[in-house]
Protein backbone atom coordinates (compact mmCIF):
# COMPACT_ATOMS: atom_id res chain seq x y z
CA MET A 1 150.29 181.97 17.40
CA GLN A 2 147.97 184.69 18.65
CA ILE A 3 147.06 185.51 15.01
CA ALA A 4 146.32 182.04 14.07
CA ARG A 5 143.67 181.55 16.95
CA VAL A 6 142.16 184.99 16.20
CA LEU A 7 141.77 183.80 12.50
CA ALA A 8 140.58 180.31 13.28
CA THR A 9 138.06 182.18 15.56
CA VAL A 10 137.04 184.35 12.59
CA VAL A 11 136.68 181.49 10.22
CA LEU A 12 134.49 179.47 12.68
CA LEU A 13 131.99 182.42 13.59
CA PHE A 14 131.96 182.97 9.67
CA MET A 15 131.04 179.39 9.26
CA THR A 16 128.62 179.28 11.92
CA ALA A 17 126.86 182.36 11.05
CA ALA A 18 126.55 181.03 7.46
CA HIS A 19 125.09 177.88 8.46
CA ALA A 20 122.51 179.67 11.08
CA ALA A 21 121.55 181.95 8.14
CA ASP A 22 120.46 179.22 5.79
CA GLU A 23 116.64 179.31 6.23
CA ARG A 24 115.89 176.82 3.60
CA GLN A 25 113.65 174.03 4.52
CA PHE A 26 115.52 170.90 5.57
CA VAL A 27 114.30 167.79 4.08
CA PRO A 28 115.15 164.61 5.87
CA LEU A 29 116.01 161.56 3.83
CA PRO A 30 117.29 158.26 4.71
CA ASP A 31 121.00 158.15 3.66
CA ARG A 32 120.84 156.17 0.50
CA MET A 33 117.95 158.30 -0.62
CA ARG A 34 119.92 161.55 0.10
CA ASP A 35 122.89 159.97 -1.95
CA HIS A 36 120.64 159.37 -4.71
CA MET A 37 119.09 162.40 -4.96
CA LEU A 38 122.43 164.04 -5.00
CA HIS A 39 123.71 161.69 -7.74
CA ASN A 40 120.59 162.73 -9.66
CA MET A 41 121.22 166.46 -9.30
CA ARG A 42 124.85 166.29 -9.95
CA ASP A 43 123.88 164.56 -13.44
CA HIS A 44 121.25 167.23 -13.79
CA LEU A 45 124.00 169.77 -13.64
CA LEU A 46 126.15 167.69 -16.09
CA ALA A 47 123.34 167.31 -18.58
CA ILE A 48 122.83 171.29 -18.52
CA GLN A 49 126.80 171.57 -19.26
CA THR A 50 126.24 169.01 -22.11
CA ILE A 51 123.44 170.84 -23.33
CA THR A 52 125.10 174.27 -23.41
CA ARG A 53 128.24 172.75 -25.39
CA GLN A 54 125.89 171.15 -27.89
CA LEU A 55 123.86 174.39 -28.31
CA ALA A 56 127.19 176.43 -28.88
CA ALA A 57 128.09 173.78 -31.49
CA GLY A 58 124.85 174.19 -33.32
CA GLN A 59 123.79 170.45 -32.30
CA TYR A 60 120.06 171.28 -31.78
CA ASP A 61 118.94 167.92 -31.86
CA ALA A 62 121.54 166.50 -29.62
CA ALA A 63 121.04 168.98 -27.10
CA ALA A 64 117.04 168.21 -27.27
CA ASP A 65 118.20 164.62 -26.90
CA THR A 66 120.31 165.11 -24.01
CA ALA A 67 117.60 167.16 -22.11
CA GLU A 68 114.66 164.74 -22.50
CA ALA A 69 116.69 161.65 -21.63
CA ARG A 70 118.23 163.21 -18.62
CA LEU A 71 115.93 165.95 -17.53
CA GLY A 72 112.75 165.90 -19.21
CA MET A 73 109.55 163.96 -18.42
CA THR A 74 110.89 160.71 -19.76
CA SER A 75 113.69 160.94 -17.37
CA LEU A 76 111.67 160.36 -14.27
CA GLN A 77 111.68 156.61 -14.42
CA ARG A 78 115.41 156.76 -14.67
CA HIS A 79 115.73 158.69 -11.66
CA ASP A 80 113.32 156.61 -9.72
CA ALA A 81 111.19 159.72 -9.10
CA ALA A 82 107.92 158.05 -7.98
CA HIS A 83 109.80 156.54 -4.86
CA MET A 84 111.71 159.92 -4.28
CA ALA A 85 108.72 161.93 -4.44
CA SER A 86 107.02 160.47 -1.24
CA TYR A 87 109.83 161.91 0.80
CA MET A 88 109.47 165.24 -0.61
CA PRO A 89 107.40 168.48 0.67
CA ARG A 90 104.75 169.13 -1.99
CA GLY A 91 106.59 172.41 -2.71
CA MET A 92 109.71 170.51 -3.52
CA GLN A 93 107.68 168.13 -5.39
CA ALA A 94 106.25 170.94 -7.56
CA ALA A 95 109.63 172.53 -8.42
CA GLY A 96 111.00 169.17 -9.56
CA THR A 97 107.92 168.42 -11.92
CA ALA A 98 108.54 171.98 -13.36
CA MET A 99 112.02 171.39 -13.84
CA HIS A 100 111.17 168.07 -15.80
CA GLN A 101 108.34 169.76 -17.67
CA ALA A 102 110.47 172.69 -18.56
CA ALA A 103 113.26 170.34 -20.01
CA SER A 104 110.73 168.57 -22.20
CA ARG A 105 109.64 171.85 -23.45
CA PHE A 106 113.22 172.93 -23.97
CA ALA A 107 113.91 169.83 -26.11
CA ILE A 108 110.84 170.83 -28.23
CA THR A 109 112.37 174.22 -28.74
CA ALA A 110 115.66 173.18 -29.29
CA ARG A 111 114.49 170.70 -32.16
CA ASN A 112 112.98 173.76 -33.69
CA ALA A 113 115.71 176.17 -33.09
CA GLU A 114 117.25 176.45 -36.58
CA VAL A 115 113.74 177.18 -37.99
CA GLU A 116 112.16 179.16 -35.28
CA GLY A 117 114.06 181.58 -33.12
CA GLY A 118 117.38 180.11 -33.24
CA LEU A 119 119.97 180.06 -30.47
CA ALA A 120 118.42 182.89 -28.38
CA ARG A 121 114.89 180.83 -28.15
CA ALA A 122 116.66 177.77 -27.10
CA PHE A 123 118.64 179.30 -24.30
CA GLY A 124 115.53 181.23 -23.30
CA ALA A 125 113.72 177.91 -23.04
CA LEU A 126 116.96 176.47 -21.15
CA SER A 127 116.85 179.34 -18.60
CA ARG A 128 113.45 178.02 -17.51
CA VAL A 129 114.82 174.70 -16.72
CA MET A 130 117.69 176.28 -14.63
CA ALA A 131 114.92 178.77 -12.97
CA ALA A 132 113.20 175.55 -11.71
CA CYS A 133 116.34 174.40 -10.37
CA VAL A 134 117.19 177.58 -8.54
CA ALA A 135 113.85 177.89 -7.07
CA CYS A 136 114.18 174.50 -5.49
CA HIS A 137 117.82 174.86 -4.28
CA SER A 138 116.76 178.33 -2.77
CA ALA A 139 113.62 176.95 -0.92
CA TYR A 140 115.06 173.46 0.15
CA ARG A 141 118.20 171.34 1.31
CA ILE A 142 118.83 167.85 2.17
CA HIS A 143 122.03 168.38 4.23
């Protein structure tokens, strides 16, 4: 019984310390907006998974199509980005724009991968997409 209490206390302290150490800027959003943004980010992650699978299979055009449709500049309307942006700090907006622009550049790189640089160049371009994701997630939180 005593050991269980000690373990529970240690876990609680660890969770409190981990939460207190989160120095990212909190971005308050209405619940529906937060849920929408989380849905979009989960879709971004699924898109990156699909893209890496397509690249591994040598399906460069399919990877380009996935990137542009789900992450690139043409995806902004689908994600209702104009409405979302007004709730975001400028730095968060900039990180999002950088990610969408990098995804569109990746799409161009992937389409030319068989001719210009191959898989390494395509993955290099994809890493720039992911770097924008990491930068935003490192600086901001929504819950």
